[in-house]
């Protein structure tokens, strides 16, 4: 039985999206140039990937003066949320607490990261307290 197509970007598609989020609408040659800063890529491969991404609804293609312009159709925030939710669901059984506990246990968070997380939690707690008082 064939696996259904995923709307989640693959690693390669995510590289292309990052290039498009950074540059805005761009022709194929510019997308290739951005990717080549990381590794060699063939224009035909990138063109094929862009076509697949178009079918998945990740990018859109518009006519430009000298060919097509490619643009991200999905925002970085939407892609981040979707990918994080998939990670939470598949790896941490939907538990954000387990994800944070894993990060803390692995020691992958810097002291600055920990301070920022504490600040965000305090800000969220204060906002919830104010919202309950309304």
C-alpha atoms as a PDB file:
ATOM      1  CA  UNK A   1       0.000   0.000   0.000  1.00  0.00           C
ATOM      2  CA  UNK A   2       1.444   3.366  -1.016  1.00  0.00           C
ATOM      3  CA  UNK A   3       2.106   5.936   1.652  1.00  0.00           C
ATOM      4  CA  UNK A   4       0.038   9.130   1.334  1.00  0.00           C
ATOM      5  CA  UNK A   5       1.916  12.319   0.497  1.00  0.00           C
ATOM      6  CA  UNK A   6       2.903  14.389   3.507  1.00  0.00           C
ATOM      7  CA  UNK A   7       2.185  18.079   3.656  1.00  0.00           C
ATOM      8  CA  UNK A   8       5.166  18.437   5.988  1.00  0.00           C
ATOM      9  CA  UNK A   9       8.294  19.726   4.246  1.00  0.00           C
ATOM     10  CA  UNK A  10      11.175  17.305   3.914  1.00  0.00           C
ATOM     11  CA  UNK A  11      14.651  18.448   4.950  1.00  0.00           C
ATOM     12  CA  UNK A  12      15.430  19.502   1.364  1.00  0.00           C
ATOM     13  CA  UNK A  13      12.110  21.305   1.008  1.00  0.00           C
ATOM     14  CA  UNK A  14      12.738  23.088   4.287  1.00  0.00           C
ATOM     15  CA  UNK A  15      16.067  24.357   2.911  1.00  0.00           C
ATOM     16  CA  UNK A  16      14.214  25.804  -0.078  1.00  0.00           C
ATOM     17  CA  UNK A  17      11.547  27.353   2.143  1.00  0.00           C
ATOM     18  CA  UNK A  18      14.229  28.968   4.306  1.00  0.00           C
ATOM     19  CA  UNK A  19      15.823  30.470   1.196  1.00  0.00           C
ATOM     20  CA  UNK A  20      12.439  31.809   0.042  1.00  0.00           C
ATOM     21  CA  UNK A  21      11.520  33.143   3.485  1.00  0.00           C
ATOM     22  CA  UNK A  22      14.827  34.986   3.534  1.00  0.00           C
ATOM     23  CA  UNK A  23      14.725  36.375   0.005  1.00  0.00           C
ATOM     24  CA  UNK A  24      11.055  36.646  -0.847  1.00  0.00           C
ATOM     25  CA  UNK A  25       9.892  35.673  -4.357  1.00  0.00           C
ATOM     26  CA  UNK A  26      12.857  34.526  -6.431  1.00  0.00           C
ATOM     27  CA  UNK A  27      13.679  32.896  -9.762  1.00  0.00           C
ATOM     28  CA  UNK A  28      15.050  29.358  -9.844  1.00  0.00           C
ATOM     29  CA  UNK A  29      18.634  30.564 -10.325  1.00  0.00           C
ATOM     30  CA  UNK A  30      18.473  32.619  -7.107  1.00  0.00           C
ATOM     31  CA  UNK A  31      16.984  29.725  -5.145  1.00  0.00           C
ATOM     32  CA  UNK A  32      19.815  27.499  -6.433  1.00  0.00           C
ATOM     33  CA  UNK A  33      22.424  30.140  -5.538  1.00  0.00           C
ATOM     34  CA  UNK A  34      21.077  30.357  -1.978  1.00  0.00           C
ATOM     35  CA  UNK A  35      21.153  26.573  -1.593  1.00  0.00           C
ATOM     36  CA  UNK A  36      24.678  26.361  -3.022  1.00  0.00           C
ATOM     37  CA  UNK A  37      25.954  28.342  -0.049  1.00  0.00           C
ATOM     38  CA  UNK A  38      25.363  25.132   1.935  1.00  0.00           C
ATOM     39  CA  UNK A  39      26.013  22.364  -0.622  1.00  0.00           C
ATOM     40  CA  UNK A  40      26.118  21.698  -4.365  1.00  0.00           C
ATOM     41  CA  UNK A  41      22.695  21.409  -6.033  1.00  0.00           C
ATOM     42  CA  UNK A  42      21.576  20.854  -9.607  1.00  0.00           C
ATOM     43  CA  UNK A  43      18.991  23.276 -11.014  1.00  0.00           C
ATOM     44  CA  UNK A  44      16.960  20.354 -12.379  1.00  0.00           C
ATOM     45  CA  UNK A  45      16.745  18.824  -8.896  1.00  0.00           C
ATOM     46  CA  UNK A  46      15.664  22.117  -7.343  1.00  0.00           C
ATOM     47  CA  UNK A  47      13.102  22.655 -10.128  1.00  0.00           C
ATOM     48  CA  UNK A  48      11.660  19.188  -9.504  1.00  0.00           C
ATOM     49  CA  UNK A  49      11.513  19.823  -5.772  1.00  0.00           C
ATOM     50  CA  UNK A  50       9.760  23.153  -6.341  1.00  0.00           C
ATOM     51  CA  UNK A  51       7.138  21.408  -8.499  1.00  0.00           C
ATOM     52  CA  UNK A  52       6.521  18.839  -5.761  1.00  0.00           C
ATOM     53  CA  UNK A  53       6.319  21.609  -3.183  1.00  0.00           C
ATOM     54  CA  UNK A  54       3.817  23.436  -5.379  1.00  0.00           C
ATOM     55  CA  UNK A  55       1.584  20.351  -5.423  1.00  0.00           C
ATOM     56  CA  UNK A  56       1.869  20.135  -1.637  1.00  0.00           C
ATOM     57  CA  UNK A  57       0.837  23.795  -1.320  1.00  0.00           C
ATOM     58  CA  UNK A  58       4.152  24.910   0.170  1.00  0.00           C
ATOM     59  CA  UNK A  59       5.161  27.308  -2.645  1.00  0.00           C
ATOM     60  CA  UNK A  60       3.509  29.226  -5.449  1.00  0.00           C
ATOM     61  CA  UNK A  61       4.775  30.113  -8.898  1.00  0.00           C
ATOM     62  CA  UNK A  62       4.079  33.370 -10.708  1.00  0.00           C
ATOM     63  CA  UNK A  63       5.256  34.656 -14.058  1.00  0.00           C
ATOM     64  CA  UNK A  64       8.171  37.035 -14.003  1.00  0.00           C
ATOM     65  CA  UNK A  65       9.765  39.104 -16.750  1.00  0.00           C
ATOM     66  CA  UNK A  66      12.395  36.425 -17.406  1.00  0.00           C
ATOM     67  CA  UNK A  67      10.712  33.239 -16.186  1.00  0.00           C
ATOM     68  CA  UNK A  68       8.891  32.065 -13.115  1.00  0.00           C
ATOM     69  CA  UNK A  69       9.211  33.511  -9.633  1.00  0.00           C
ATOM     70  CA  UNK A  70       8.874  31.120  -6.718  1.00  0.00           C
ATOM     71  CA  UNK A  71       7.547  32.194  -3.323  1.00  0.00           C
ATOM     72  CA  UNK A  72       6.764  30.436  -0.069  1.00  0.00           C
ATOM     73  CA  UNK A  73       3.039  29.910   0.270  1.00  0.00           C
ATOM     74  CA  UNK A  74       3.317  28.805   3.882  1.00  0.00           C
ATOM     75  CA  UNK A  75       4.686  31.173   6.516  1.00  0.00           C
ATOM     76  CA  UNK A  76       7.673  30.269   8.627  1.00  0.00           C
ATOM     77  CA  UNK A  77       5.465  30.437  11.718  1.00  0.00           C
ATOM     78  CA  UNK A  78       2.876  28.043  10.250  1.00  0.00           C
ATOM     79  CA  UNK A  79       5.544  25.574   9.152  1.00  0.00           C
ATOM     80  CA  UNK A  80       7.239  25.757  12.550  1.00  0.00           C
ATOM     81  CA  UNK A  81       3.964  25.128  14.382  1.00  0.00           C
ATOM     82  CA  UNK A  82       3.053  22.217  12.137  1.00  0.00           C
ATOM     83  CA  UNK A  83       6.469  20.572  12.398  1.00  0.00           C
ATOM     84  CA  UNK A  84       6.629  21.072  16.164  1.00  0.00           C
ATOM     85  CA  UNK A  85       3.165  19.562  16.590  1.00  0.00           C
ATOM     86  CA  UNK A  86       4.253  16.548  14.538  1.00  0.00           C
ATOM     87  CA  UNK A  87       7.356  16.162  16.721  1.00  0.00           C
ATOM     88  CA  UNK A  88       5.275  16.436  19.900  1.00  0.00           C
ATOM     89  CA  UNK A  89       2.716  13.917  18.640  1.00  0.00           C
ATOM     90  CA  UNK A  90       5.123  11.332  17.234  1.00  0.00           C
ATOM     91  CA  UNK A  91       8.046  11.521  19.648  1.00  0.00           C
ATOM     92  CA  UNK A  92       6.635  12.886  22.917  1.00  0.00           C
ATOM     93  CA  UNK A  93       3.053  11.518  22.763  1.00  0.00           C
ATOM     94  CA  UNK A  94       1.659  15.049  22.524  1.00  0.00           C
ATOM     95  CA  UNK A  95       3.333  16.203  25.748  1.00  0.00           C
ATOM     96  CA  UNK A  96       5.125  19.550  25.651  1.00  0.00           C
ATOM     97  CA  UNK A  97       6.182  18.876  29.249  1.00  0.00           C
ATOM     98  CA  UNK A  98       8.060  15.745  28.114  1.00  0.00           C
ATOM     99  CA  UNK A  99       9.770  17.748  25.360  1.00  0.00           C
ATOM    100  CA  UNK A 100      10.941  20.418  27.808  1.00  0.00           C
ATOM    101  CA  UNK A 101      12.006  17.772  30.340  1.00  0.00           C
ATOM    102  CA  UNK A 102      14.033  16.097  27.582  1.00  0.00           C
ATOM    103  CA  UNK A 103      15.723  19.367  26.636  1.00  0.00           C
ATOM    104  CA  UNK A 104      16.523  20.119  30.271  1.00  0.00           C
ATOM    105  CA  UNK A 105      17.739  16.576  30.925  1.00  0.00           C
ATOM    106  CA  UNK A 106      20.005  16.530  27.891  1.00  0.00           C
ATOM    107  CA  UNK A 107      21.652  19.788  28.891  1.00  0.00           C
ATOM    108  CA  UNK A 108      21.086  21.228  25.420  1.00  0.00           C
ATOM    109  CA  UNK A 109      19.680  24.503  26.715  1.00  0.00           C
ATOM    110  CA  UNK A 110      22.111  27.314  27.446  1.00  0.00           C
ATOM    111  CA  UNK A 111      21.797  29.401  30.587  1.00  0.00           C
ATOM    112  CA  UNK A 112      20.432  32.202  28.406  1.00  0.00           C
ATOM    113  CA  UNK A 113      17.816  29.817  26.938  1.00  0.00           C
ATOM    114  CA  UNK A 114      16.742  28.828  30.469  1.00  0.00           C
ATOM    115  CA  UNK A 115      16.455  32.485  31.566  1.00  0.00           C
ATOM    116  CA  UNK A 116      14.341  33.293  28.491  1.00  0.00           C
ATOM    117  CA  UNK A 117      12.055  30.308  29.093  1.00  0.00           C
ATOM    118  CA  UNK A 118      11.597  31.406  32.731  1.00  0.00           C
ATOM    119  CA  UNK A 119      10.771  34.938  31.554  1.00  0.00           C
ATOM    120  CA  UNK A 120       8.230  33.624  29.034  1.00  0.00           C
ATOM    121  CA  UNK A 121       6.603  31.400  31.665  1.00  0.00           C
ATOM    122  CA  UNK A 122       6.368  34.292  34.109  1.00  0.00           C
ATOM    123  CA  UNK A 123       4.880  36.551  31.424  1.00  0.00           C
ATOM    124  CA  UNK A 124       2.346  33.868  30.527  1.00  0.00           C
ATOM    125  CA  UNK A 125       1.438  33.341  34.205  1.00  0.00           C
ATOM    126  CA  UNK A 126       0.937  37.088  34.694  1.00  0.00           C
ATOM    127  CA  UNK A 127      -1.242  37.318  31.580  1.00  0.00           C
ATOM    128  CA  UNK A 128      -3.382  34.366  32.699  1.00  0.00           C
ATOM    129  CA  UNK A 129      -3.808  35.941  36.130  1.00  0.00           C
ATOM    130  CA  UNK A 130      -4.935  39.204  34.545  1.00  0.00           C
ATOM    131  CA  UNK A 131      -7.293  37.374  32.160  1.00  0.00           C
ATOM    132  CA  UNK A 132      -8.934  35.527  35.079  1.00  0.00           C
ATOM    133  CA  UNK A 133      -9.498  38.837  36.857  1.00  0.00           C
ATOM    134  CA  UNK A 134     -11.595  40.229  33.987  1.00  0.00           C
END
